Protein backbone atom coordinates (compact mmCIF):
# COMPACT_ATOMS: atom_id res chain seq x y z
CA VAL A 1 -0.04 -0.04 -0.26
CA ALA A 2 2.90 2.39 1.26
CA VAL A 3 4.21 1.78 -2.68
CA VAL A 4 1.03 2.31 -4.28
CA ASN A 5 0.69 5.85 -2.67
CA GLU A 6 4.45 6.36 -3.27
CA ILE A 7 3.88 5.88 -7.36
CA GLN A 8 0.77 7.55 -7.14
CA GLN A 9 2.25 10.41 -5.25
CA THR A 10 5.56 9.98 -8.19
CA ASP A 11 3.02 10.29 -11.13
CA ALA A 12 1.04 13.43 -9.30
CA LEU A 13 4.89 14.62 -10.37
CA GLU A 14 4.57 13.41 -13.53
CA ASP A 15 1.04 15.96 -14.29
CA VAL A 16 2.86 18.98 -11.97
CA PHE A 17 6.15 18.42 -14.26
CA PRO A 18 5.21 16.84 -17.75
CA ASN A 19 8.89 17.29 -19.18
CA THR A 20 10.42 14.78 -17.16
CA ALA A 21 10.35 11.37 -18.78
CA PRO A 22 10.02 8.43 -16.52
CA ASN A 23 13.79 6.15 -16.14
CA ALA A 24 14.13 2.90 -16.57
CA GLN A 25 13.63 2.86 -12.53
CA ASP A 26 10.51 4.08 -12.82
CA GLN A 27 8.90 1.68 -15.37
CA THR A 28 10.66 -1.10 -13.22
CA ILE A 29 8.67 0.11 -9.98
CA HIS A 30 5.37 0.19 -12.01
CA GLU A 31 5.84 -3.25 -13.50
CA ARG A 32 7.00 -4.01 -9.78
CA VAL A 33 3.47 -2.39 -8.50
CA GLY A 34 1.84 -4.09 -10.83
CA ALA A 35 2.68 -7.27 -10.16
CA ILE A 36 1.87 -6.66 -6.91
CA GLU A 37 -1.75 -4.49 -7.35
CA THR A 38 -1.83 -8.84 -9.12
CA SER A 39 -1.06 -10.76 -6.85
CA ILE A 40 -2.70 -9.18 -3.97
CA ALA A 41 -5.97 -9.21 -6.28
CA ALA A 42 -5.07 -12.91 -6.79
CA ILE A 43 -5.80 -13.63 -3.15
CA PRO A 44 -9.07 -13.61 -2.54
CA SER A 45 -9.37 -16.48 -5.16
CA LEU A 46 -6.31 -17.84 -4.18
CA LYS A 47 -8.09 -18.13 -0.59
CA ASN A 48 -11.24 -19.63 -2.12
CA ALA A 49 -9.64 -22.55 -3.75
CA ILE A 50 -7.68 -23.72 -0.56
CA GLU A 51 -11.35 -23.56 1.24
CA GLN A 52 -12.03 -25.60 -1.63
CA LEU A 53 -9.27 -28.24 -1.62
CA GLU A 54 -10.00 -28.27 2.56
CA LYS A 55 -13.49 -29.23 1.41
CA ASP A 56 -12.74 -31.96 -0.89
CA SER A 57 -9.92 -33.32 1.09
CA ARG A 58 -12.29 -33.39 4.17
CA ALA A 59 -14.52 -35.02 1.37
CA LEU A 60 -11.99 -37.83 0.58
CA GLU A 61 -10.93 -38.77 3.48
CA SER A 62 -14.37 -39.16 4.96
CA GLN A 63 -15.00 -41.00 1.88
CA CYS A 64 -11.54 -43.33 1.96
CA ASN A 65 -12.45 -43.68 5.90
CA GLN A 66 -16.33 -45.74 4.89
CA ARG A 67 -14.57 -47.58 2.18
CA ASN A 68 -12.06 -48.81 4.88
CA VAL A 69 -14.49 -49.87 7.43
CA ARG A 70 -17.07 -51.54 4.35
CA THR A 71 -13.66 -53.27 3.97
CA THR A 72 -12.85 -54.49 7.35
CA VAL A 73 -16.49 -55.97 7.22
CA ARG A 74 -15.85 -57.53 4.48
CA LEU A 75 -12.27 -58.95 5.55
CA ASP A 76 -13.82 -59.78 9.21
CA SER A 77 -16.76 -61.53 7.13
CA THR A 78 -14.28 -63.30 4.93
CA LYS A 79 -12.35 -64.35 8.25
CA SER A 80 -15.43 -65.65 9.90
CA LYS A 81 -15.92 -67.81 6.72
CA ILE A 82 -12.68 -69.35 6.01
CA ASN A 83 -12.84 -69.86 9.34
CA SER A 84 -15.76 -71.63 9.35
CA MET A 85 -14.68 -73.36 5.82
CA ASN A 86 -11.76 -75.16 8.18
CA ASP A 87 -13.32 -76.11 10.94
CA LYS A 88 -15.65 -78.02 7.75
CA ILE A 89 -12.89 -79.17 6.79
CA ASP A 90 -10.91 -80.85 10.17
CA ALA A 91 -14.16 -82.37 10.21
CA LEU A 92 -14.16 -83.63 6.70
CA ASP A 93 -10.80 -85.56 7.72
CA SER A 94 -11.81 -86.95 10.81
CA THR A 95 -14.67 -89.20 9.50
CA ILE A 96 -12.31 -89.34 5.72
CA GLU A 97 -10.18 -91.64 8.82
CA GLU A 98 -13.26 -92.97 10.56
CA LEU A 99 -14.18 -93.92 7.14
CA GLN A 100 -10.51 -95.04 6.41
CA GLN A 101 -10.08 -97.17 10.16
CA SER A 102 -14.13 -98.99 8.56
CA ILE A 103 -12.68 -99.79 5.70
CA VAL A 104 -9.76 -101.55 5.92
CA GLY A 105 -12.39 -102.80 9.07
CA LEU A 106 -15.10 -103.82 6.21
CA LYS A 107 -12.06 -105.18 4.06
CA ALA A 108 -10.45 -107.37 7.08
CA CYS A 109 -14.55 -109.17 7.73
CA VAL A 110 -13.95 -110.03 4.02
CA ARG A 111 -11.07 -111.72 3.04
CA GLU A 112 -12.25 -113.26 6.83
CA ASN A 113 -15.77 -114.41 5.41
CA LYS A 114 -13.94 -115.42 2.36
CA LYS A 115 -11.42 -117.76 4.20
CA ARG A 116 -14.87 -119.44 6.32
CA MET A 117 -16.63 -119.30 2.09
CA HIS A 118 -13.57 -121.66 0.96
CA GLN A 119 -13.84 -123.40 3.92
CA MET A 120 -17.56 -124.29 4.10
CA ASN A 121 -17.02 -125.53 0.70
CA ASP A 122 -14.65 -127.71 0.99
CA SER A 123 -16.08 -129.28 4.18
CA ILE A 124 -18.57 -128.94 1.33
CA ARG A 125 -17.17 -131.06 -1.02
CA SER A 126 -15.49 -133.45 0.91
CA ALA A 127 -18.49 -134.44 2.62
CA SER A 128 -20.37 -135.36 -0.46
CA PRO A 129 -19.62 -135.39 -4.24
CA ASN A 130 -22.90 -135.23 -5.18
CA THR A 131 -24.13 -132.04 -3.63
CA SER A 132 -20.61 -130.45 -3.27
CA SER A 133 -21.01 -129.36 -7.20
CA LYS A 134 -24.71 -128.53 -6.10
CA ALA A 135 -23.54 -126.07 -2.94
CA SER A 136 -20.77 -124.38 -5.21
CA SER A 137 -22.23 -123.52 -7.82
CA VAL A 138 -25.28 -121.89 -5.99
CA LEU A 139 -22.33 -120.27 -3.38
CA ALA A 140 -20.35 -119.59 -6.58
């Protein structure tokens, strides 16, 4: 403001002394004052732009926080589902082990039954040659 007043006074002196031509220093001062005035004039719009950026920043932060919350909820849900599936897999593994043991036992029973069947066939053949062929065909 003081510089502007000084320039206005200089302009007034030039009006009083019109023969005085502005020198290079005066021209530089006028350019600087113009630049300062332009900068001063730009301050309100810059202030508005900064305020808008702050608002936008807060809005983006809010959106990010909401997305983080939703992502966390989904992540927790997914973890819960994975844990549930792992529990089911463990239960299935246990059932598979029990079934494998049962199969081993059943195979042993089948082997034992085959042995008994062969023994019975042998007993039937040795007991009666006429009935052994009939009994063998029935058992087969």
